[in-house]
Protein backbone atom coordinates (compact mmCIF):
# COMPACT_ATOMS: atom_id res chain seq x y z
CA GLN A 1 120.95 77.90 217.17
CA GLU A 2 118.73 79.85 215.50
CA GLN A 3 115.40 78.32 214.25
CA LEU A 4 114.60 79.61 210.42
CA VAL A 5 110.86 80.40 210.90
CA GLU A 6 108.49 78.49 207.28
CA SER A 7 105.24 80.48 205.65
CA GLY A 8 103.43 80.37 202.80
CA GLY A 9 102.23 76.82 202.82
CA GLY A 10 98.20 76.19 201.48
CA LEU A 11 95.93 74.27 199.66
CA VAL A 12 96.34 74.26 195.87
CA GLN A 13 95.19 72.11 192.66
CA PRO A 14 97.27 70.12 190.72
CA GLY A 15 99.51 72.44 188.26
CA GLY A 16 98.88 75.57 190.04
CA SER A 17 101.77 78.06 192.06
CA LEU A 18 103.22 78.36 195.35
CA ARG A 19 105.36 80.63 197.27
CA LEU A 20 107.30 79.26 200.58
CA SER A 21 109.02 82.01 202.20
CA CYS A 22 111.16 81.36 205.34
CA THR A 23 113.06 84.26 207.67
CA ALA A 24 115.41 84.38 209.56
CA SER A 25 117.31 86.88 212.36
CA GLY A 26 119.95 89.54 210.24
CA ASN A 27 121.66 87.99 206.70
CA THR A 28 122.03 85.08 207.52
CA PHE A 29 121.57 83.48 204.10
CA MET A 30 124.77 85.24 203.43
CA ILE A 31 125.92 83.26 205.70
CA TYR A 32 125.52 80.11 205.74
CA SER A 33 123.71 77.35 203.30
CA MET A 34 119.91 76.65 203.41
CA ALA A 35 117.80 73.59 202.22
CA TRP A 36 114.09 72.92 201.89
CA HIS A 37 113.04 69.34 203.21
CA ARG A 38 109.13 68.34 202.59
CA GLN A 39 107.68 64.93 204.90
CA ALA A 40 104.29 63.83 203.04
CA PRO A 41 102.25 61.29 205.52
CA GLY A 42 103.69 58.67 206.71
CA LYS A 43 107.78 58.98 204.34
CA GLN A 44 110.94 60.60 206.05
CA ARG A 45 111.52 63.90 205.41
CA GLU A 46 113.91 63.90 201.57
CA PHE A 47 115.56 66.91 200.51
CA VAL A 48 114.18 69.64 197.91
CA ALA A 49 116.59 72.50 197.06
CA ALA A 50 119.62 74.11 198.85
CA LEU A 51 120.50 77.64 198.54
CA LEU A 52 124.55 78.21 198.89
CA SER A 53 125.56 81.23 200.50
CA GLY A 54 126.90 82.36 196.92
CA GLY A 55 123.47 81.88 195.17
CA SER A 56 124.40 78.60 193.67
CA THR A 57 121.41 76.22 193.89
CA SER A 58 120.88 71.85 193.76
CA TYR A 59 117.56 70.36 193.35
CA ALA A 60 116.65 67.30 193.81
CA ASP A 61 115.33 65.50 190.62
CA ALA A 62 111.62 64.96 192.40
CA VAL A 63 111.44 68.47 192.00
CA LYS A 64 113.69 69.87 189.27
CA GLY A 65 112.29 72.19 186.42
CA ARG A 66 109.62 72.65 188.69
CA PHE A 67 110.68 75.17 191.77
CA THR A 68 113.22 77.86 192.28
CA THR A 69 114.78 78.50 195.65
CA SER A 70 115.92 81.99 195.73
CA LYS A 71 116.70 85.07 198.35
CA ASP A 72 116.04 88.45 199.16
CA ASN A 73 119.09 91.53 198.72
CA ALA A 74 119.05 91.37 202.27
CA GLY A 75 119.91 87.77 202.80
CA SER A 76 117.09 87.26 205.45
CA THR A 77 114.38 85.97 203.77
CA ALA A 78 115.13 82.77 201.40
CA TYR A 79 111.60 81.85 199.12
CA LEU A 80 110.87 78.96 197.40
CA GLN A 81 109.11 79.13 194.84
CA MET A 82 107.09 76.07 193.71
CA ASP A 83 104.88 75.97 189.78
CA ASN A 84 102.90 72.90 188.34
CA LEU A 85 102.22 71.84 191.99
CA LYS A 86 101.76 68.00 191.52
CA PRO A 87 99.58 65.58 194.73
CA GLU A 88 102.91 64.25 195.30
CA ASP A 89 104.13 67.37 196.59
CA THR A 90 102.11 67.46 198.92
CA ALA A 91 103.81 67.34 202.21
CA VAL A 92 104.89 70.12 205.69
CA TYR A 93 107.90 71.26 203.74
CA TYR A 94 111.30 72.93 206.61
CA CYS A 95 114.16 74.87 205.89
CA ILE A 96 117.01 74.71 207.98
CA LEU A 97 120.31 76.22 207.58
CA GLY A 98 123.30 73.47 206.29
CA TRP A 99 123.83 71.95 203.10
CA PRO A 100 124.92 68.90 201.99
CA VAL A 101 124.69 68.82 206.36
CA PRO A 102 121.62 69.77 207.89
CA PHE A 103 122.68 72.49 211.22
CA GLY A 104 120.49 74.17 213.59
CA SER A 105 117.00 73.40 214.52
CA TRP A 106 113.78 71.84 212.79
CA GLY A 107 111.24 74.91 213.09
CA GLN A 108 107.06 73.41 212.67
CA GLY A 109 106.77 73.89 208.70
CA THR A 110 104.52 74.94 206.20
CA GLN A 111 101.38 72.50 205.41
CA VAL A 112 101.69 72.10 201.15
CA THR A 113 98.30 70.32 199.77
CA VAL A 114 97.78 69.70 196.74
CA SER A 115 94.72 68.71 195.33
CA SER A 116 90.93 68.98 193.63
């Protein structure tokens, strides 16, 4: 099963922005839905956003209006644009195929830290 690769995390101040990337082989995101999840220290992994193969999106209430997920024309890279970041957004962010039921393997994730 394909394992996706996350990148783009980093340290950002509150109110700042980051764009995460999720890279697949081929036109995977034209065929399958995908989702972003995150796990903060000491907490369970939680759903953040989903991107269906047809382009529809869905967001957790905590990020609605601040985060936007999209994909490139080739369907090989998905993005999570995160604006107006808050300290509570600090977490390791993962992407995985499938929504609402994930399938495949969880990757290494990418760390996002929001702090002044």
